[in-house]
Amino acid sequence: MTPMYARVHEKYMANTNGTAISWFEPSFEDISGYVHNVGFKTPPGGEIGSTNHVLNDHTYCCQLGYTCPDGDPDVQYEAECLTWHQ
């Protein structure tokens, strides 16, 4: 997906005078509860520390074993989730 994201980012930048912000995210199928490498060494079409990129990395602390019927843990687990994400 990196080459596609890089091409899209190049077009954004060319048409926004360098002010575009590209959101990108990993693609994976595994919902086993393990954290995986997102597969990007640098932001597509950019460099580490780019102000024109945002990694939209989905992690859910349901992976800690909480029941999450709607996909998100209950707010009572906020502190545990924050610690886990950090």
PDB file of N, CA and C in Angstrom:
ATOM      1  N   MET A   1       0.814  -1.197   0.000  1.00  0.00           N
ATOM      2  CA  MET A   1       0.000   0.000   0.000  1.00  0.00           C
ATOM      3  C   MET A   1       0.858   1.263   0.000  1.00  0.00           C
ATOM      4  N   THR A   2       2.103   1.141   0.436  1.00  0.00           N
ATOM      5  CA  THR A   2       2.963   2.314   0.530  1.00  0.00           C
ATOM      6  C   THR A   2       3.074   3.073  -0.794  1.00  0.00           C
ATOM      7  N   PRO A   3       3.334   2.398  -1.926  1.00  0.00           N
ATOM      8  CA  PRO A   3       3.434   3.146  -3.189  1.00  0.00           C
ATOM      9  C   PRO A   3       2.150   3.908  -3.534  1.00  0.00           C
ATOM     10  N   MET A   4       0.992   3.302  -3.277  1.00  0.00           N
ATOM     11  CA  MET A   4      -0.271   3.984  -3.558  1.00  0.00           C
ATOM     12  C   MET A   4      -0.417   5.221  -2.682  1.00  0.00           C
ATOM     13  N   TYR A   5      -0.178   5.066  -1.368  1.00  0.00           N
ATOM     14  CA  TYR A   5      -0.262   6.206  -0.466  1.00  0.00           C
ATOM     15  C   TYR A   5       0.710   7.310  -0.877  1.00  0.00           C
ATOM     16  N   ALA A   6       1.907   6.944  -1.308  1.00  0.00           N
ATOM     17  CA  ALA A   6       2.909   7.935  -1.724  1.00  0.00           C
ATOM     18  C   ALA A   6       2.422   8.703  -2.957  1.00  0.00           C
ATOM     19  N   ARG A   7       1.816   8.017  -3.918  1.00  0.00           N
ATOM     20  CA  ARG A   7       1.293   8.696  -5.113  1.00  0.00           C
ATOM     21  C   ARG A   7       0.153   9.649  -4.750  1.00  0.00           C
ATOM     22  N   VAL A   8      -0.730   9.198  -3.883  1.00  0.00           N
ATOM     23  CA  VAL A   8      -1.846  10.053  -3.458  1.00  0.00           C
ATOM     24  C   VAL A   8      -1.306  11.285  -2.727  1.00  0.00           C
ATOM     25  N   HIS A   9      -0.341  11.074  -1.840  1.00  0.00           N
ATOM     26  CA  HIS A   9       0.234  12.201  -1.097  1.00  0.00           C
ATOM     27  C   HIS A   9       0.894  13.199  -2.055  1.00  0.00           C
ATOM     28  N   GLU A  10       1.601  12.703  -3.046  1.00  0.00           N
ATOM     29  CA  GLU A  10       2.253  13.577  -4.031  1.00  0.00           C
ATOM     30  C   GLU A  10       1.219  14.454  -4.734  1.00  0.00           C
ATOM     31  N   LYS A  11       0.089  13.870  -5.107  1.00  0.00           N
ATOM     32  CA  LYS A  11      -0.983  14.641  -5.768  1.00  0.00           C
ATOM     33  C   LYS A  11      -1.579  15.673  -4.817  1.00  0.00           C
ATOM     34  N   TYR A  12      -1.818  15.283  -3.564  1.00  0.00           N
ATOM     35  CA  TYR A  12      -2.321  16.239  -2.568  1.00  0.00           C
ATOM     36  C   TYR A  12      -1.392  17.433  -2.454  1.00  0.00           C
ATOM     37  N   MET A  13      -0.105  17.138  -2.289  1.00  0.00           N
ATOM     38  CA  MET A  13       0.869  18.206  -2.080  1.00  0.00           C
ATOM     39  C   MET A  13       0.944  19.136  -3.291  1.00  0.00           C
ATOM     40  N   ALA A  14       0.881  18.564  -4.483  1.00  0.00           N
ATOM     41  CA  ALA A  14       0.963  19.363  -5.702  1.00  0.00           C
ATOM     42  C   ALA A  14      -0.234  20.293  -5.865  1.00  0.00           C
ATOM     43  N   ASN A  15      -1.367  19.915  -5.299  1.00  0.00           N
ATOM     44  CA  ASN A  15      -2.585  20.700  -5.480  1.00  0.00           C
ATOM     45  C   ASN A  15      -2.981  21.537  -4.265  1.00  0.00           C
ATOM     46  N   THR A  16      -2.149  21.535  -3.230  1.00  0.00           N
ATOM     47  CA  THR A  16      -2.487  22.307  -2.027  1.00  0.00           C
ATOM     48  C   THR A  16      -1.322  23.173  -1.562  1.00  0.00           C
ATOM     49  N   ASN A  17      -0.382  23.430  -2.451  1.00  0.00           N
ATOM     50  CA  ASN A  17       0.793  24.242  -2.103  1.00  0.00           C
ATOM     51  C   ASN A  17       1.529  23.700  -0.881  1.00  0.00           C
ATOM     52  N   GLY A  18       1.579  22.387  -0.756  1.00  0.00           N
ATOM     53  CA  GLY A  18       2.340  21.764   0.321  1.00  0.00           C
ATOM     54  C   GLY A  18       1.666  21.771   1.673  1.00  0.00           C
ATOM     55  N   THR A  19       0.357  22.049   1.728  1.00  0.00           N
ATOM     56  CA  THR A  19      -0.327  22.138   3.029  1.00  0.00           C
ATOM     57  C   THR A  19      -1.197  20.924   3.350  1.00  0.00           C
ATOM     58  N   ALA A  20      -1.259  19.967   2.446  1.00  0.00           N
ATOM     59  CA  ALA A  20      -2.122  18.796   2.669  1.00  0.00           C
ATOM     60  C   ALA A  20      -1.610  17.955   3.834  1.00  0.00           C
ATOM     61  N   ILE A  21      -2.534  17.300   4.496  1.00  0.00           N
ATOM     62  CA  ILE A  21      -2.194  16.331   5.534  1.00  0.00           C
ATOM     63  C   ILE A  21      -2.766  14.992   5.100  1.00  0.00           C
ATOM     64  N   SER A  22      -1.892  14.024   4.922  1.00  0.00           N
ATOM     65  CA  SER A  22      -2.304  12.687   4.491  1.00  0.00           C
ATOM     66  C   SER A  22      -2.483  11.783   5.706  1.00  0.00           C
ATOM     67  N   TRP A  23      -3.638  11.185   5.793  1.00  0.00           N
ATOM     68  CA  TRP A  23      -3.912  10.187   6.822  1.00  0.00           C
ATOM     69  C   TRP A  23      -3.707   8.828   6.179  1.00  0.00           C
ATOM     70  N   PHE A  24      -2.971   7.969   6.817  1.00  0.00           N
ATOM     71  CA  PHE A  24      -2.770   6.627   6.290  1.00  0.00           C
ATOM     72  C   PHE A  24      -2.829   5.651   7.444  1.00  0.00           C
ATOM     73  N   GLU A  25      -3.091   4.412   7.128  1.00  0.00           N
ATOM     74  CA  GLU A  25      -3.181   3.408   8.181  1.00  0.00           C
ATOM     75  C   GLU A  25      -2.732   2.055   7.668  1.00  0.00           C
ATOM     76  N   PRO A  26      -2.338   1.211   8.604  1.00  0.00           N
ATOM     77  CA  PRO A  26      -1.927  -0.131   8.216  1.00  0.00           C
ATOM     78  C   PRO A  26      -3.140  -0.963   7.820  1.00  0.00           C
ATOM     79  N   SER A  27      -2.873  -2.024   7.131  1.00  0.00           N
ATOM     80  CA  SER A  27      -3.922  -2.963   6.774  1.00  0.00           C
ATOM     81  C   SER A  27      -3.510  -4.329   7.296  1.00  0.00           C
ATOM     82  N   PHE A  28      -4.319  -4.901   8.158  1.00  0.00           N
ATOM     83  CA  PHE A  28      -4.021  -6.237   8.652  1.00  0.00           C
ATOM     84  C   PHE A  28      -5.304  -6.969   8.978  1.00  0.00           C
ATOM     85  N   GLU A  29      -5.225  -8.263   8.958  1.00  0.00           N
ATOM     86  CA  GLU A  29      -6.391  -9.112   9.165  1.00  0.00           C
ATOM     87  C   GLU A  29      -6.433  -9.721  10.560  1.00  0.00           C
ATOM     88  N   ASP A  30      -5.316  -9.711  11.256  1.00  0.00           N
ATOM     89  CA  ASP A  30      -5.192 -10.434  12.519  1.00  0.00           C
ATOM     90  C   ASP A  30      -5.880  -9.692  13.662  1.00  0.00           C
ATOM     91  N   ILE A  31      -6.849 -10.317  14.297  1.00  0.00           N
ATOM     92  CA  ILE A  31      -7.515  -9.719  15.446  1.00  0.00           C
ATOM     93  C   ILE A  31      -7.258 -10.572  16.690  1.00  0.00           C
ATOM     94  N   SER A  32      -6.076 -11.168  16.734  1.00  0.00           N
ATOM     95  CA  SER A  32      -5.743 -12.099  17.808  1.00  0.00           C
ATOM     96  C   SER A  32      -5.369 -11.417  19.114  1.00  0.00           C
ATOM     97  N   GLY A  33      -5.242 -10.085  19.100  1.00  0.00           N
ATOM     98  CA  GLY A  33      -4.876  -9.396  20.324  1.00  0.00           C
ATOM     99  C   GLY A  33      -3.416  -9.001  20.390  1.00  0.00           C
ATOM    100  N   TYR A  34      -2.660  -9.307  19.348  1.00  0.00           N
ATOM    101  CA  TYR A  34      -1.242  -8.971  19.335  1.00  0.00           C
ATOM    102  C   TYR A  34      -1.007  -7.665  18.592  1.00  0.00           C
ATOM    103  N   VAL A  35       0.021  -6.939  18.991  1.00  0.00           N
ATOM    104  CA  VAL A  35       0.403  -5.710  18.302  1.00  0.00           C
ATOM    105  C   VAL A  35       1.383  -6.076  17.199  1.00  0.00           C
ATOM    106  N   HIS A  36       1.145  -5.583  16.000  1.00  0.00           N
ATOM    107  CA  HIS A  36       1.968  -5.909  14.847  1.00  0.00           C
ATOM    108  C   HIS A  36       2.625  -4.658  14.278  1.00  0.00           C
ATOM    109  N   ASN A  37       3.756  -4.843  13.623  1.00  0.00           N
ATOM    110  CA  ASN A  37       4.417  -3.771  12.906  1.00  0.00           C
ATOM    111  C   ASN A  37       3.459  -3.248  11.847  1.00  0.00           C
ATOM    112  N   VAL A  38       3.334  -1.918  11.714  1.00  0.00           N
ATOM    113  CA  VAL A  38       2.380  -1.363  10.761  1.00  0.00           C
ATOM    114  C   VAL A  38       2.859  -1.439   9.325  1.00  0.00           C
ATOM    115  N   GLY A  39       4.157  -1.744   9.107  1.00  0.00           N
ATOM    116  CA  GLY A  39       4.654  -1.956   7.759  1.00  0.00           C
ATOM    117  C   GLY A  39       5.230  -0.727   7.081  1.00  0.00           C
ATOM    118  N   PHE A  40       5.208   0.433   7.728  1.00  0.00           N
ATOM    119  CA  PHE A  40       5.765   1.642   7.137  1.00  0.00           C
ATOM    120  C   PHE A  40       7.075   1.981   7.840  1.00  0.00           C
ATOM    121  N   LYS A  41       8.128   2.220   7.071  1.00  0.00           N
ATOM    122  CA  LYS A  41       9.402   2.670   7.651  1.00  0.00           C
ATOM    123  C   LYS A  41       9.403   4.191   7.787  1.00  0.00           C
ATOM    124  N   THR A  42       8.756   4.872   6.843  1.00  0.00           N
ATOM    125  CA  THR A  42       8.557   6.322   6.862  1.00  0.00           C
ATOM    126  C   THR A  42       7.143   6.595   6.382  1.00  0.00           C
ATOM    127  N   PRO A  43       6.610   7.772   6.647  1.00  0.00           N
ATOM    128  CA  PRO A  43       5.291   8.093   6.096  1.00  0.00           C
ATOM    129  C   PRO A  43       5.342   8.028   4.568  1.00  0.00           C
ATOM    130  N   PRO A  44       4.333   7.476   3.909  1.00  0.00           N
ATOM    131  CA  PRO A  44       4.353   7.363   2.450  1.00  0.00           C
ATOM    132  C   PRO A  44       4.538   8.717   1.774  1.00  0.00           C
ATOM    133  N   GLY A  45       5.622   8.865   1.034  1.00  0.00           N
ATOM    134  CA  GLY A  45       5.902  10.123   0.359  1.00  0.00           C
ATOM    135  C   GLY A  45       6.509  11.171   1.264  1.00  0.00           C
ATOM    136  N   GLY A  46       6.908  10.788   2.488  1.00  0.00           N
ATOM    137  CA  GLY A  46       7.442  11.762   3.433  1.00  0.00           C
ATOM    138  C   GLY A  46       8.592  11.214   4.242  1.00  0.00           C
ATOM    139  N   GLU A  47       8.926  11.938   5.280  1.00  0.00           N
ATOM    140  CA  GLU A  47      10.021  11.576   6.171  1.00  0.00           C
ATOM    141  C   GLU A  47       9.515  11.486   7.604  1.00  0.00           C
ATOM    142  N   ILE A  48      10.272  10.833   8.457  1.00  0.00           N
ATOM    143  CA  ILE A  48       9.940  10.767   9.882  1.00  0.00           C
ATOM    144  C   ILE A  48       9.825  12.200  10.410  1.00  0.00           C
ATOM    145  N   GLY A  49       8.792  12.475  11.171  1.00  0.00           N
ATOM    146  CA  GLY A  49       8.578  13.804  11.732  1.00  0.00           C
ATOM    147  C   GLY A  49       7.808  14.741  10.814  1.00  0.00           C
ATOM    148  N   SER A  50       7.314  14.229   9.697  1.00  0.00           N
ATOM    149  CA  SER A  50       6.571  15.054   8.744  1.00  0.00           C
ATOM    150  C   SER A  50       5.359  15.687   9.403  1.00  0.00           C
ATOM    151  N   THR A  51       5.143  16.961   9.132  1.00  0.00           N
ATOM    152  CA  THR A  51       3.942  17.635   9.633  1.00  0.00           C
ATOM    153  C   THR A  51       2.777  17.452   8.668  1.00  0.00           C
ATOM    154  N   ASN A  52       3.006  16.728   7.576  1.00  0.00           N
ATOM    155  CA  ASN A  52       1.976  16.510   6.569  1.00  0.00           C
ATOM    156  C   ASN A  52       1.432  15.088   6.565  1.00  0.00           C
ATOM    157  N   HIS A  53       1.701  14.334   7.638  1.00  0.00           N
ATOM    158  CA  HIS A  53       1.244  12.950   7.708  1.00  0.00           C
ATOM    159  C   HIS A  53       0.671  12.633   9.088  1.00  0.00           C
ATOM    160  N   VAL A  54      -0.351  11.782   9.082  1.00  0.00           N
ATOM    161  CA  VAL A  54      -0.926  11.278  10.330  1.00  0.00           C
ATOM    162  C   VAL A  54      -1.111   9.772  10.179  1.00  0.00           C
ATOM    163  N   LEU A  55      -0.523   9.005  11.100  1.00  0.00           N
ATOM    164  CA  LEU A  55      -0.740   7.565  11.118  1.00  0.00           C
ATOM    165  C   LEU A  55      -2.015   7.292  11.913  1.00  0.00           C
ATOM    166  N   ASN A  56      -3.003   6.780  11.240  1.00  0.00           N
ATOM    167  CA  ASN A  56      -4.281   6.454  11.858  1.00  0.00           C
ATOM    168  C   ASN A  56      -4.208   4.993  12.291  1.00  0.00           C
ATOM    169  N   ASP A  57      -3.559   4.771  13.422  1.00  0.00           N
ATOM    170  CA  ASP A  57      -3.294   3.421  13.897  1.00  0.00           C
ATOM    171  C   ASP A  57      -4.372   3.022  14.894  1.00  0.00           C
ATOM    172  N   HIS A  58      -5.167   2.057  14.527  1.00  0.00           N
ATOM    173  CA  HIS A  58      -6.253   1.611  15.392  1.00  0.00           C
ATOM    174  C   HIS A  58      -5.750   0.576  16.390  1.00  0.00           C
ATOM    175  N   THR A  59      -5.847   0.897  17.638  1.00  0.00           N
ATOM    176  CA  THR A  59      -5.590  -0.092  18.679  1.00  0.00           C
ATOM    177  C   THR A  59      -6.739   0.001  19.666  1.00  0.00           C
ATOM    178  N   TYR A  60      -7.169  -1.098  20.123  1.00  0.00           N
ATOM    179  CA  TYR A  60      -8.315  -1.136  21.014  1.00  0.00           C
ATOM    180  C   TYR A  60      -7.944  -1.913  22.255  1.00  0.00           C
ATOM    181  N   CYS A  61      -8.170  -1.340  23.404  1.00  0.00           N
ATOM    182  CA  CYS A  61      -7.767  -2.072  24.596  1.00  0.00           C
ATOM    183  C   CYS A  61      -8.726  -3.216  24.896  1.00  0.00           C
ATOM    184  N   CYS A  62      -9.670  -3.487  24.010  1.00  0.00           N
ATOM    185  CA  CYS A  62     -10.453  -4.721  24.112  1.00  0.00           C
ATOM    186  C   CYS A  62      -9.502  -5.908  24.028  1.00  0.00           C
ATOM    187  N   GLN A  63      -8.333  -5.662  23.429  1.00  0.00           N
ATOM    188  CA  GLN A  63      -7.327  -6.705  23.310  1.00  0.00           C
ATOM    189  C   GLN A  63      -6.824  -7.140  24.691  1.00  0.00           C
ATOM    190  N   LEU A  64      -7.109  -6.343  25.719  1.00  0.00           N
ATOM    191  CA  LEU A  64      -6.729  -6.714  27.086  1.00  0.00           C
ATOM    192  C   LEU A  64      -7.692  -7.737  27.673  1.00  0.00           C
ATOM    193  N   GLY A  65      -8.763  -8.011  26.956  1.00  0.00           N
ATOM    194  CA  GLY A  65      -9.704  -9.015  27.420  1.00  0.00           C
ATOM    195  C   GLY A  65     -11.025  -8.441  27.906  1.00  0.00           C
ATOM    196  N   TYR A  66     -11.211  -7.124  27.755  1.00  0.00           N
ATOM    197  CA  TYR A  66     -12.481  -6.519  28.168  1.00  0.00           C
ATOM    198  C   TYR A  66     -13.578  -6.889  27.182  1.00  0.00           C
ATOM    199  N   THR A  67     -14.801  -6.926  27.644  1.00  0.00           N
ATOM    200  CA  THR A  67     -15.938  -7.140  26.766  1.00  0.00           C
ATOM    201  C   THR A  67     -16.252  -5.812  26.082  1.00  0.00           C
ATOM    202  N   CYS A  68     -16.303  -5.830  24.774  1.00  0.00           N
ATOM    203  CA  CYS A  68     -16.506  -4.607  23.999  1.00  0.00           C
ATOM    204  C   CYS A  68     -17.589  -4.850  22.951  1.00  0.00           C
ATOM    205  N   PRO A  69     -18.849  -4.890  23.357  1.00  0.00           N
ATOM    206  CA  PRO A  69     -19.913  -5.249  22.421  1.00  0.00           C
ATOM    207  C   PRO A  69     -20.054  -4.297  21.239  1.00  0.00           C
ATOM    208  N   ASP A  70     -19.706  -3.018  21.414  1.00  0.00           N
ATOM    209  CA  ASP A  70     -19.820  -2.076  20.293  1.00  0.00           C
ATOM    210  C   ASP A  70     -18.465  -1.737  19.687  1.00  0.00           C
ATOM    211  N   GLY A  71     -17.421  -2.479  20.066  1.00  0.00           N
ATOM    212  CA  GLY A  71     -16.095  -2.253  19.520  1.00  0.00           C
ATOM    213  C   GLY A  71     -15.195  -1.403  20.388  1.00  0.00           C
ATOM    214  N   ASP A  72     -15.756  -0.744  21.375  1.00  0.00           N
ATOM    215  CA  ASP A  72     -14.973   0.097  22.281  1.00  0.00           C
ATOM    216  C   ASP A  72     -15.177  -0.383  23.715  1.00  0.00           C
ATOM    217  N   PRO A  73     -14.116  -0.287  24.530  1.00  0.00           N
ATOM    218  CA  PRO A  73     -14.275  -0.674  25.936  1.00  0.00           C
ATOM    219  C   PRO A  73     -15.098   0.358  26.694  1.00  0.00           C
ATOM    220  N   ASP A  74     -15.676  -0.056  27.784  1.00  0.00           N
ATOM    221  CA  ASP A  74     -16.433   0.846  28.644  1.00  0.00           C
ATOM    222  C   ASP A  74     -15.509   1.922  29.208  1.00  0.00           C
ATOM    223  N   VAL A  75     -16.031   3.105  29.427  1.00  0.00           N
ATOM    224  CA  VAL A  75     -15.243   4.242  29.923  1.00  0.00           C
ATOM    225  C   VAL A  75     -14.590   3.950  31.274  1.00  0.00           C
ATOM    226  N   GLN A  76     -15.119   3.010  32.026  1.00  0.00           N
ATOM    227  CA  GLN A  76     -14.517   2.674  33.329  1.00  0.00           C
ATOM    228  C   GLN A  76     -13.097   2.132  33.187  1.00  0.00           C
ATOM    229  N   TYR A  77     -12.723   1.691  31.978  1.00  0.00           N
ATOM    230  CA  TYR A  77     -11.380   1.151  31.746  1.00  0.00           C
ATOM    231  C   TYR A  77     -10.419   2.197  31.179  1.00  0.00           C
ATOM    232  N   GLU A  78     -10.797   3.460  31.244  1.00  0.00           N
ATOM    233  CA  GLU A  78     -10.002   4.531  30.652  1.00  0.00           C
ATOM    234  C   GLU A  78      -8.544   4.522  31.111  1.00  0.00           C
ATOM    235  N   ALA A  79      -8.300   4.444  32.401  1.00  0.00           N
ATOM    236  CA  ALA A  79      -6.941   4.491  32.926  1.00  0.00           C
ATOM    237  C   ALA A  79      -6.121   3.293  32.445  1.00  0.00           C
ATOM    238  N   GLU A  80      -6.714   2.089  32.497  1.00  0.00           N
ATOM    239  CA  GLU A  80      -6.009   0.902  32.036  1.00  0.00           C
ATOM    240  C   GLU A  80      -5.693   0.975  30.553  1.00  0.00           C
ATOM    241  N   CYS A  81      -6.641   1.476  29.774  1.00  0.00           N
ATOM    242  CA  CYS A  81      -6.436   1.592  28.323  1.00  0.00           C
ATOM    243  C   CYS A  81      -5.333   2.594  28.017  1.00  0.00           C
ATOM    244  N   LEU A  82      -5.344   3.731  28.700  1.00  0.00           N
ATOM    245  CA  LEU A  82      -4.301   4.731  28.472  1.00  0.00           C
ATOM    246  C   LEU A  82      -2.930   4.159  28.772  1.00  0.00           C
ATOM    247  N   THR A  83      -2.807   3.454  29.876  1.00  0.00           N
ATOM    248  CA  THR A  83      -1.528   2.840  30.235  1.00  0.00           C
ATOM    249  C   THR A  83      -1.098   1.836  29.180  1.00  0.00           C
ATOM    250  N   TRP A  84      -2.041   1.022  28.717  1.00  0.00           N
ATOM    251  CA  TRP A  84      -1.724   0.011  27.715  1.00  0.00           C
ATOM    252  C   TRP A  84      -1.259   0.656  26.412  1.00  0.00           C
ATOM    253  N   HIS A  85      -1.925   1.726  25.984  1.00  0.00           N
ATOM    254  CA  HIS A  85      -1.553   2.400  24.738  1.00  0.00           C
ATOM    255  C   HIS A  85      -0.187   3.066  24.838  1.00  0.00           C
ATOM    256  N   GLN A  86       0.132   3.569  26.015  1.00  0.00           N
ATOM    257  CA  GLN A  86       1.440   4.224  26.184  1.00  0.00           C
ATOM    258  C   GLN A  86       2.542   3.200  26.156  1.00  0.00           C
TER     259      GLN A  86
END
